Amino acid sequence: MGRRDSRRSLKMRRRKSQVKLKARIAKKVAAAKAAKKPAPAPTKKK
């Protein structure tokens, strides 16, 4: 990696992959929740 290399830096790559991973996990969790209970009296938060 040269000084003026326009490729994504290690830091950015790490951040991007972390974000993608979190999104994937969140999606999985949401899917699991939806599959587990078909909303028996949805509890309102707030």
PDB file of N, CA and C in Angstrom:
ATOM      1  N   MET A   1       0.845  -1.204   0.000  1.00  0.00           N
ATOM      2  CA  MET A   1       0.000   0.000   0.000  1.00  0.00           C
ATOM      3  C   MET A   1       0.877   1.250   0.000  1.00  0.00           C
ATOM      4  N   GLY A   2       0.913   1.914  -1.128  1.00  0.00           N
ATOM      5  CA  GLY A   2       1.706   3.146  -1.210  1.00  0.00           C
ATOM      6  C   GLY A   2       1.036   4.293  -0.485  1.00  0.00           C
ATOM      7  N   ARG A   3       1.736   5.409  -0.429  1.00  0.00           N
ATOM      8  CA  ARG A   3       1.225   6.555   0.308  1.00  0.00           C
ATOM      9  C   ARG A   3      -0.019   7.136  -0.375  1.00  0.00           C
ATOM     10  N   ARG A   4       0.013   7.189  -1.706  1.00  0.00           N
ATOM     11  CA  ARG A   4      -1.138   7.765  -2.401  1.00  0.00           C
ATOM     12  C   ARG A   4      -2.017   6.682  -3.026  1.00  0.00           C
ATOM     13  N   ASP A   5      -2.127   5.554  -2.343  1.00  0.00           N
ATOM     14  CA  ASP A   5      -2.979   4.476  -2.835  1.00  0.00           C
ATOM     15  C   ASP A   5      -4.414   4.823  -2.479  1.00  0.00           C
ATOM     16  N   SER A   6      -5.298   4.735  -3.435  1.00  0.00           N
ATOM     17  CA  SER A   6      -6.686   5.125  -3.183  1.00  0.00           C
ATOM     18  C   SER A   6      -7.536   3.956  -2.686  1.00  0.00           C
ATOM     19  N   ARG A   7      -6.875   2.820  -2.455  1.00  0.00           N
ATOM     20  CA  ARG A   7      -7.648   1.689  -1.932  1.00  0.00           C
ATOM     21  C   ARG A   7      -8.113   1.985  -0.523  1.00  0.00           C
ATOM     22  N   ARG A   8      -9.129   1.286  -0.107  1.00  0.00           N
ATOM     23  CA  ARG A   8      -9.695   1.500   1.219  1.00  0.00           C
ATOM     24  C   ARG A   8      -8.675   1.141   2.296  1.00  0.00           C
ATOM     25  N   SER A   9      -8.522   2.004   3.265  1.00  0.00           N
ATOM     26  CA  SER A   9      -7.543   1.778   4.326  1.00  0.00           C
ATOM     27  C   SER A   9      -7.971   0.617   5.215  1.00  0.00           C
ATOM     28  N   LEU A  10      -7.035   0.098   5.958  1.00  0.00           N
ATOM     29  CA  LEU A  10      -7.318  -1.011   6.863  1.00  0.00           C
ATOM     30  C   LEU A  10      -8.399  -0.630   7.858  1.00  0.00           C
ATOM     31  N   LYS A  11      -8.291   0.581   8.366  1.00  0.00           N
ATOM     32  CA  LYS A  11      -9.260   1.053   9.357  1.00  0.00           C
ATOM     33  C   LYS A  11     -10.667   1.068   8.777  1.00  0.00           C
ATOM     34  N   MET A  12     -10.783   1.630   7.571  1.00  0.00           N
ATOM     35  CA  MET A  12     -12.092   1.743   6.930  1.00  0.00           C
ATOM     36  C   MET A  12     -12.647   0.352   6.644  1.00  0.00           C
ATOM     37  N   ARG A  13     -11.751  -0.534   6.167  1.00  0.00           N
ATOM     38  CA  ARG A  13     -12.194  -1.882   5.847  1.00  0.00           C
ATOM     39  C   ARG A  13     -12.758  -2.552   7.095  1.00  0.00           C
ATOM     40  N   ARG A  14     -12.026  -2.371   8.197  1.00  0.00           N
ATOM     41  CA  ARG A  14     -12.448  -2.973   9.459  1.00  0.00           C
ATOM     42  C   ARG A  14     -13.804  -2.430   9.874  1.00  0.00           C
ATOM     43  N   ARG A  15     -13.957  -1.112   9.764  1.00  0.00           N
ATOM     44  CA  ARG A  15     -15.219  -0.478  10.155  1.00  0.00           C
ATOM     45  C   ARG A  15     -16.376  -0.960   9.292  1.00  0.00           C
ATOM     46  N   LYS A  16     -16.128  -1.019   7.979  1.00  0.00           N
ATOM     47  CA  LYS A  16     -17.189  -1.429   7.055  1.00  0.00           C
ATOM     48  C   LYS A  16     -17.639  -2.858   7.362  1.00  0.00           C
ATOM     49  N   SER A  17     -16.656  -3.747   7.553  1.00  0.00           N
ATOM     50  CA  SER A  17     -17.000  -5.146   7.801  1.00  0.00           C
ATOM     51  C   SER A  17     -17.752  -5.268   9.123  1.00  0.00           C
ATOM     52  N   GLN A  18     -17.361  -4.465  10.111  1.00  0.00           N
ATOM     53  CA  GLN A  18     -18.026  -4.492  11.410  1.00  0.00           C
ATOM     54  C   GLN A  18     -19.485  -4.079  11.248  1.00  0.00           C
ATOM     55  N   VAL A  19     -19.706  -3.019  10.474  1.00  0.00           N
ATOM     56  CA  VAL A  19     -21.068  -2.514  10.254  1.00  0.00           C
ATOM     57  C   VAL A  19     -21.909  -3.577   9.556  1.00  0.00           C
ATOM     58  N   LYS A  20     -21.323  -4.196   8.541  1.00  0.00           N
ATOM     59  CA  LYS A  20     -22.051  -5.226   7.787  1.00  0.00           C
ATOM     60  C   LYS A  20     -22.407  -6.392   8.692  1.00  0.00           C
ATOM     61  N   LEU A  21     -21.432  -6.772   9.537  1.00  0.00           N
ATOM     62  CA  LEU A  21     -21.656  -7.879  10.455  1.00  0.00           C
ATOM     63  C   LEU A  21     -22.802  -7.562  11.407  1.00  0.00           C
ATOM     64  N   LYS A  22     -22.763  -6.362  11.966  1.00  0.00           N
ATOM     65  CA  LYS A  22     -23.813  -5.948  12.904  1.00  0.00           C
ATOM     66  C   LYS A  22     -25.173  -5.956  12.223  1.00  0.00           C
ATOM     67  N   ALA A  23     -25.208  -5.474  10.978  1.00  0.00           N
ATOM     68  CA  ALA A  23     -26.474  -5.430  10.237  1.00  0.00           C
ATOM     69  C   ALA A  23     -26.999  -6.841  10.023  1.00  0.00           C
ATOM     70  N   ARG A  24     -26.071  -7.745   9.683  1.00  0.00           N
ATOM     71  CA  ARG A  24     -26.459  -9.125   9.441  1.00  0.00           C
ATOM     72  C   ARG A  24     -27.036  -9.752  10.716  1.00  0.00           C
ATOM     73  N   ILE A  25     -26.338  -9.511  11.837  1.00  0.00           N
ATOM     74  CA  ILE A  25     -26.795 -10.051  13.125  1.00  0.00           C
ATOM     75  C   ILE A  25     -28.160  -9.484  13.477  1.00  0.00           C
ATOM     76  N   ALA A  26     -28.320  -8.182  13.291  1.00  0.00           N
ATOM     77  CA  ALA A  26     -29.589  -7.526  13.619  1.00  0.00           C
ATOM     78  C   ALA A  26     -30.714  -8.130  12.792  1.00  0.00           C
ATOM     79  N   LYS A  27     -30.431  -8.366  11.509  1.00  0.00           N
ATOM     80  CA  LYS A  27     -31.443  -8.937  10.628  1.00  0.00           C
ATOM     81  C   LYS A  27     -31.830 -10.337  11.113  1.00  0.00           C
ATOM     82  N   LYS A  28     -30.800 -11.113  11.486  1.00  0.00           N
ATOM     83  CA  LYS A  28     -31.032 -12.473  11.949  1.00  0.00           C
ATOM     84  C   LYS A  28     -31.894 -12.455  13.212  1.00  0.00           C
ATOM     85  N   VAL A  29     -31.564 -11.564  14.136  1.00  0.00           N
ATOM     86  CA  VAL A  29     -32.307 -11.442  15.391  1.00  0.00           C
ATOM     87  C   VAL A  29     -33.755 -11.067  15.114  1.00  0.00           C
ATOM     88  N   ALA A  30     -33.949 -10.104  14.221  1.00  0.00           N
ATOM     89  CA  ALA A  30     -35.300  -9.653  13.884  1.00  0.00           C
ATOM     90  C   ALA A  30     -36.097 -10.809  13.267  1.00  0.00           C
ATOM     91  N   ALA A  31     -35.456 -11.558  12.396  1.00  0.00           N
ATOM     92  CA  ALA A  31     -36.125 -12.689  11.751  1.00  0.00           C
ATOM     93  C   ALA A  31     -36.504 -13.740  12.792  1.00  0.00           C
ATOM     94  N   ALA A  32     -35.594 -14.008  13.712  1.00  0.00           N
ATOM     95  CA  ALA A  32     -35.844 -14.998  14.755  1.00  0.00           C
ATOM     96  C   ALA A  32     -37.013 -14.566  15.634  1.00  0.00           C
ATOM     97  N   LYS A  33     -37.026 -13.292  15.978  1.00  0.00           N
ATOM     98  CA  LYS A  33     -38.110 -12.763  16.813  1.00  0.00           C
ATOM     99  C   LYS A  33     -39.444 -12.883  16.092  1.00  0.00           C
ATOM    100  N   ALA A  34     -39.452 -12.539  14.825  1.00  0.00           N
ATOM    101  CA  ALA A  34     -40.689 -12.590  14.032  1.00  0.00           C
ATOM    102  C   ALA A  34     -41.188 -14.030  13.937  1.00  0.00           C
ATOM    103  N   ALA A  35     -40.251 -14.962  13.778  1.00  0.00           N
ATOM    104  CA  ALA A  35     -40.624 -16.364  13.625  1.00  0.00           C
ATOM    105  C   ALA A  35     -41.100 -16.954  14.955  1.00  0.00           C
ATOM    106  N   LYS A  36     -40.446 -16.506  16.049  1.00  0.00           N
ATOM    107  CA  LYS A  36     -40.754 -17.074  17.359  1.00  0.00           C
ATOM    108  C   LYS A  36     -42.178 -16.780  17.799  1.00  0.00           C
ATOM    109  N   LYS A  37     -42.540 -15.505  17.844  1.00  0.00           N
ATOM    110  CA  LYS A  37     -43.883 -15.167  18.347  1.00  0.00           C
ATOM    111  C   LYS A  37     -44.648 -14.341  17.319  1.00  0.00           C
ATOM    112  N   PRO A  38     -45.760 -14.818  16.852  1.00  0.00           N
ATOM    113  CA  PRO A  38     -46.585 -14.036  15.931  1.00  0.00           C
ATOM    114  C   PRO A  38     -47.375 -12.959  16.671  1.00  0.00           C
ATOM    115  N   ALA A  39     -46.638 -12.099  17.329  1.00  0.00           N
ATOM    116  CA  ALA A  39     -47.169 -10.936  18.042  1.00  0.00           C
ATOM    117  C   ALA A  39     -48.372 -11.243  18.947  1.00  0.00           C
ATOM    118  N   PRO A  40     -48.174 -12.000  20.043  1.00  0.00           N
ATOM    119  CA  PRO A  40     -49.265 -12.173  21.003  1.00  0.00           C
ATOM    120  C   PRO A  40     -49.297 -10.973  21.930  1.00  0.00           C
ATOM    121  N   ALA A  41     -50.196 -10.041  21.700  1.00  0.00           N
ATOM    122  CA  ALA A  41     -50.290  -8.812  22.472  1.00  0.00           C
ATOM    123  C   ALA A  41     -48.958  -8.081  22.469  1.00  0.00           C
ATOM    124  N   PRO A  42     -48.659  -7.352  21.387  1.00  0.00           N
ATOM    125  CA  PRO A  42     -47.358  -6.662  21.281  1.00  0.00           C
ATOM    126  C   PRO A  42     -47.169  -5.656  22.392  1.00  0.00           C
ATOM    127  N   THR A  43     -46.138  -5.847  23.192  1.00  0.00           N
ATOM    128  CA  THR A  43     -45.871  -4.938  24.315  1.00  0.00           C
ATOM    129  C   THR A  43     -45.316  -3.633  23.767  1.00  0.00           C
ATOM    130  N   LYS A  44     -45.861  -2.543  24.212  1.00  0.00           N
ATOM    131  CA  LYS A  44     -45.421  -1.227  23.723  1.00  0.00           C
ATOM    132  C   LYS A  44     -44.317  -0.687  24.619  1.00  0.00           C
ATOM    133  N   LYS A  45     -43.165  -0.425  23.983  1.00  0.00           N
ATOM    134  CA  LYS A  45     -42.077   0.208  24.727  1.00  0.00           C
ATOM    135  C   LYS A  45     -42.253   1.718  24.649  1.00  0.00           C
ATOM    136  N   LYS A  46     -41.690   2.438  25.604  1.00  0.00           N
ATOM    137  CA  LYS A  46     -41.814   3.896  25.694  1.00  0.00           C
ATOM    138  C   LYS A  46     -43.144   4.264  26.327  1.00  0.00           C
TER     139      LYS A  46
END
